[in-house]
Protein backbone atom coordinates (compact mmCIF):
# COMPACT_ATOMS: atom_id res chain seq x y z
CA MET A 1 13.87 -1.60 -29.83
CA ALA A 2 16.65 -2.17 -27.32
CA ALA A 3 20.22 -1.79 -28.58
CA ALA A 4 21.72 -5.16 -29.61
CA ASP A 5 24.63 -6.55 -27.61
CA PRO A 6 28.00 -6.02 -29.43
CA LEU A 7 28.92 -9.69 -28.84
CA VAL A 8 25.75 -10.83 -30.56
CA LEU A 9 26.41 -8.49 -33.51
CA LEU A 10 29.93 -9.85 -33.90
CA THR A 11 28.61 -13.40 -33.76
CA ALA A 12 26.01 -12.62 -36.43
CA VAL A 13 28.70 -11.10 -38.69
CA PHE A 14 30.92 -14.13 -38.13
CA LEU A 15 28.14 -16.52 -39.11
CA LEU A 16 27.37 -14.54 -42.27
CA LEU A 17 31.05 -14.44 -43.32
CA ARG A 18 31.34 -18.13 -42.60
CA GLY A 19 28.38 -18.74 -44.91
CA ARG A 20 29.99 -16.67 -47.68
CA ALA A 21 33.22 -18.61 -47.30
CA GLY A 22 31.29 -21.85 -47.57
CA THR A 23 29.78 -20.63 -50.83
CA LYS A 24 33.21 -20.15 -52.38
CA ARG A 25 34.44 -23.58 -51.23
CA ASP A 26 31.41 -25.58 -52.21
CA GLY A 27 28.43 -24.22 -54.01
CA ARG A 28 26.12 -26.78 -52.46
CA ASP A 29 27.49 -26.30 -48.95
CA GLY A 30 27.53 -22.56 -49.43
CA VAL A 31 23.88 -22.45 -50.31
CA CYS A 32 23.08 -24.41 -47.17
CA ALA A 33 25.25 -22.10 -45.09
CA ASP A 34 23.61 -18.96 -46.54
CA THR A 35 20.19 -20.47 -46.18
CA PHE A 36 20.48 -21.35 -42.53
CA THR A 37 23.05 -18.88 -41.18
CA LEU A 38 21.10 -15.68 -41.77
CA PRO A 39 17.98 -16.93 -40.01
CA ALA A 40 20.17 -18.20 -37.16
CA ALA A 41 21.74 -14.75 -36.81
CA LEU A 42 18.35 -13.08 -36.84
CA VAL A 43 17.08 -15.52 -34.24
CA MET A 44 20.06 -14.67 -32.02
CA LEU A 45 19.37 -10.95 -32.36
CA HIS A 46 15.67 -11.46 -31.57
CA TRP A 47 16.57 -13.61 -28.54
CA ARG A 48 18.93 -10.94 -27.22
CA HIS A 49 16.30 -8.22 -27.70
CA THR A 50 13.77 -10.36 -25.84
CA ALA A 51 16.24 -10.96 -23.01
CA LEU A 52 16.93 -7.25 -22.63
CA THR A 53 13.22 -6.45 -22.66
CA ALA A 54 12.56 -9.13 -20.06
CA LYS A 55 15.33 -7.67 -17.91
CA VAL A 56 13.66 -4.23 -18.02
CA ASP A 57 10.31 -5.81 -17.20
CA ARG A 58 11.81 -7.67 -14.26
CA GLY A 59 13.20 -4.38 -12.97
CA MET A 60 9.74 -2.80 -13.17
CA GLN A 61 8.22 -5.81 -11.46
CA GLN A 62 10.79 -5.59 -8.68
CA GLU A 63 9.85 -1.92 -8.07
CA ASP A 64 6.19 -2.90 -7.88
CA LEU A 65 7.00 -5.74 -5.49
CA VAL A 66 8.92 -3.32 -3.24
CA ARG A 67 5.92 -1.00 -3.20
CA ALA A 68 3.57 -3.91 -2.47
CA ALA A 69 5.79 -5.10 0.38
CA THR A 70 6.00 -1.57 1.78
CA ALA A 71 2.20 -1.21 1.71
CA ALA A 72 1.70 -4.59 3.35
CA VAL A 73 4.16 -3.90 6.15
CA ALA A 74 2.80 -0.39 6.65
CA PHE A 75 -0.74 -1.70 6.98
CA GLY A 76 0.25 -4.49 9.37
CA VAL A 77 2.28 -2.39 11.75
CA MET A 78 -0.15 0.54 11.70
CA LEU A 79 -2.99 -1.86 12.47
CA ALA A 80 -1.06 -3.05 15.50
CA GLY A 81 -0.34 0.55 16.49
CA HIS A 82 -4.01 1.39 16.00
CA TYR A 83 -5.17 -1.18 18.56
CA ILE A 84 -2.44 -0.18 21.02
CA GLY A 85 -3.25 3.50 20.60
CA ASP A 86 -7.03 3.02 20.84
CA HIS A 87 -7.13 0.59 23.77
CA TRP A 88 -3.93 1.01 25.78
CA VAL A 89 -2.78 4.60 25.20
CA GLN A 90 -6.17 6.33 25.14
CA THR A 91 -7.23 7.56 28.56
CA ASP A 92 -10.68 7.05 30.13
CA GLY A 93 -11.26 10.81 30.02
CA GLN A 94 -10.55 10.92 26.31
CA ALA A 95 -12.70 7.85 25.60
CA HIS A 96 -15.73 9.25 27.44
CA GLY A 97 -15.30 12.93 26.64
CA LYS A 98 -14.51 13.00 22.93
CA GLY A 99 -18.02 12.22 21.57
CA LEU A 100 -20.23 15.04 20.37
CA ASP A 101 -23.21 12.72 20.92
CA ASN A 102 -22.82 12.74 24.72
CA ALA A 103 -25.74 14.23 26.69
CA GLY A 104 -24.96 17.81 27.68
CA CYS A 105 -21.84 17.79 25.53
CA ASP A 106 -19.59 20.85 25.59
CA ARG A 107 -18.35 21.03 22.01
CA SER A 108 -15.01 22.64 22.80
CA VAL A 109 -14.28 20.09 25.54
CA ALA A 110 -15.16 17.19 23.24
CA LEU A 111 -12.94 18.55 20.50
CA TRP A 112 -10.06 18.92 22.95
CA HIS A 113 -10.41 15.34 24.24
CA CYS A 114 -10.63 14.02 20.70
CA ALA A 115 -7.59 16.03 19.60
CA LYS A 116 -5.53 14.69 22.49
CA HIS A 117 -6.54 11.15 21.71
CA VAL A 118 -5.78 11.48 18.00
CA ALA A 119 -2.39 13.03 18.76
CA SER A 120 -1.35 10.12 21.00
CA TRP A 121 -2.89 7.60 18.62
CA THR A 122 -1.04 9.08 15.63
CA LEU A 123 2.21 9.10 17.58
CA THR A 124 1.71 5.42 18.46
CA THR A 125 1.00 4.27 14.90
CA SER A 126 3.86 6.42 13.59
CA VAL A 127 6.32 4.85 16.04
CA PHE A 128 5.28 1.39 14.89
CA LEU A 129 5.56 2.45 11.24
CA LEU A 130 8.91 4.18 11.50
CA ALA A 131 10.39 1.38 13.61
CA ALA A 132 9.36 -1.16 11.00
CA GLY A 133 10.73 1.08 8.24
CA TRP A 134 14.07 1.33 9.99
CA TRP A 135 14.28 -2.35 10.85
CA LEU A 136 13.32 -3.54 7.34
CA ARG A 137 15.01 -0.64 5.49
CA LEU A 138 11.82 0.29 3.72
CA PRO A 139 12.19 2.98 1.04
CA PHE A 140 9.78 5.54 2.50
CA GLN A 141 9.35 8.76 0.55
CA THR A 142 8.91 11.66 2.97
CA GLY A 143 6.04 13.35 1.14
CA TRP A 144 3.98 10.16 0.75
CA LEU A 145 4.80 9.09 4.29
CA VAL A 146 3.47 12.36 5.67
CA ALA A 147 0.40 12.14 3.39
CA GLY A 148 -0.45 8.68 4.69
CA ILE A 149 -0.03 9.65 8.34
CA THR A 150 -2.10 12.82 7.82
CA VAL A 151 -4.98 10.93 6.17
CA ASN A 152 -4.94 8.53 9.11
CA ALA A 153 -5.06 11.33 11.67
CA VAL A 154 -7.79 13.39 9.97
CA THR A 155 -10.13 10.44 9.33
CA HIS A 156 -9.62 9.15 12.86
CA PHE A 157 -10.46 12.55 14.35
CA VAL A 158 -13.67 12.86 12.31
CA ALA A 159 -14.88 9.35 13.23
CA ASP A 160 -14.04 9.63 16.93
CA LEU A 161 -16.28 12.66 17.33
CA ARG A 162 -18.96 10.00 16.72
CA THR A 163 -21.71 12.34 15.47
CA PRO A 164 -20.28 12.50 11.89
CA LEU A 165 -19.96 8.70 11.84
CA ILE A 166 -23.51 8.23 13.13
CA ARG A 167 -24.87 10.59 10.48
CA LEU A 168 -22.94 8.80 7.74
CA GLY A 169 -24.14 5.43 8.99
CA ARG A 170 -27.78 6.51 8.93
CA LEU A 171 -27.33 8.10 5.52
CA LEU A 172 -26.04 4.77 4.18
CA GLY A 173 -28.91 2.80 5.68
CA ARG A 174 -27.22 1.53 8.86
CA GLY A 175 -29.75 3.13 11.19
CA GLY A 176 -31.30 -0.17 12.24
CA TYR A 177 -27.87 -1.58 13.04
CA LEU A 178 -27.04 1.46 15.19
CA ASP A 179 -30.39 1.40 16.99
CA HIS A 180 -30.60 -2.29 17.83
CA VAL A 181 -27.01 -3.46 18.41
CA ARG A 182 -26.39 -2.00 21.87
CA VAL A 183 -25.26 -3.35 25.27
CA VAL A 184 -26.28 -3.12 28.91
CA ARG A 185 -23.49 -2.12 31.24
CA PRO A 186 -23.49 -1.80 35.06
CA SER A 187 -24.25 1.90 34.52
CA GLY A 188 -27.17 1.09 32.21
CA PRO A 189 -27.83 0.75 28.43
CA ALA A 190 -25.07 2.04 26.17
CA SER A 191 -25.04 2.79 22.45
CA SER A 192 -21.25 3.26 22.15
CA GLY A 193 -18.14 1.39 23.19
CA PRO A 194 -17.17 -2.27 22.70
CA GLY A 195 -20.04 -4.53 21.78
CA THR A 196 -22.13 -1.88 20.03
CA ALA A 197 -22.80 -1.23 16.38
CA LEU A 198 -21.22 2.20 16.63
CA PHE A 199 -18.00 0.65 17.93
CA GLU A 200 -17.89 -1.87 15.07
CA LEU A 201 -18.56 0.79 12.45
CA ASP A 202 -15.89 2.94 14.07
CA GLN A 203 -13.30 0.18 13.90
CA ALA A 204 -14.21 -0.74 10.33
CA TRP A 205 -13.83 2.92 9.34
CA HIS A 206 -10.39 3.17 10.95
CA ILE A 207 -9.12 -0.06 9.41
CA GLY A 208 -10.37 0.87 5.96
CA TRP A 209 -8.52 4.17 6.12
CA LEU A 210 -5.41 2.38 7.43
CA ALA A 211 -5.39 0.45 4.16
CA VAL A 212 -5.72 3.66 2.11
CA SER A 213 -2.92 5.26 4.13
CA ALA A 214 -0.65 2.24 3.61
CA LEU A 215 -1.08 2.53 -0.13
CA LEU A 216 -0.22 6.22 0.01
CA ILE A 217 2.84 5.50 2.11
CA ALA A 218 4.05 2.99 -0.48
CA GLY A 219 4.14 5.79 -3.05
CA PRO A 220 2.82 6.07 -6.63
CA PRO A 221 3.64 3.68 -9.49
CA ALA A 222 6.95 4.41 -11.17
């Protein structure tokens, strides 16, 4: 139980003494004073305890609201950084060379292109995130911030190699989607890039992990 406020205790004592004094002056009045003063004092103590408890609860709720706001902002700005990093910062060489599913793929070359893309993409999302954190004075915790950014980078790298994402999609029953949702470009039929099932699965994967990363960046419950 929370400690009672000294002012409330003094008030309770005053009411009890007042009731005793009333008893000496007038037996009938005194009985009324004793009968109603003690419950009144107890009610005041209970009210004060409830108020203190509510104050603690409000403090906990405020911490949770700060975490929720941090997660929401982190997700929003990283999503913006994701689209900038994927479609404006990424080079044509990285976009075409990073997939392990390319015909005649050189694994080491694909890994290098993918690593360069993920590095620039991570830098872009991090700039958006840190700028928002500075502007809004978000209470980032270094460890959780690094954890969120790392999860983003690792999951992006795995998906952008394409072969792991294709295998996962087929394992989860998305083979028909991958095989039939394709496009015809000037260079011929394509199974990757905007307009294809692989592209949509890729973007869904990234955005899902952005949400997970945002929750990590907000930190654990107090």
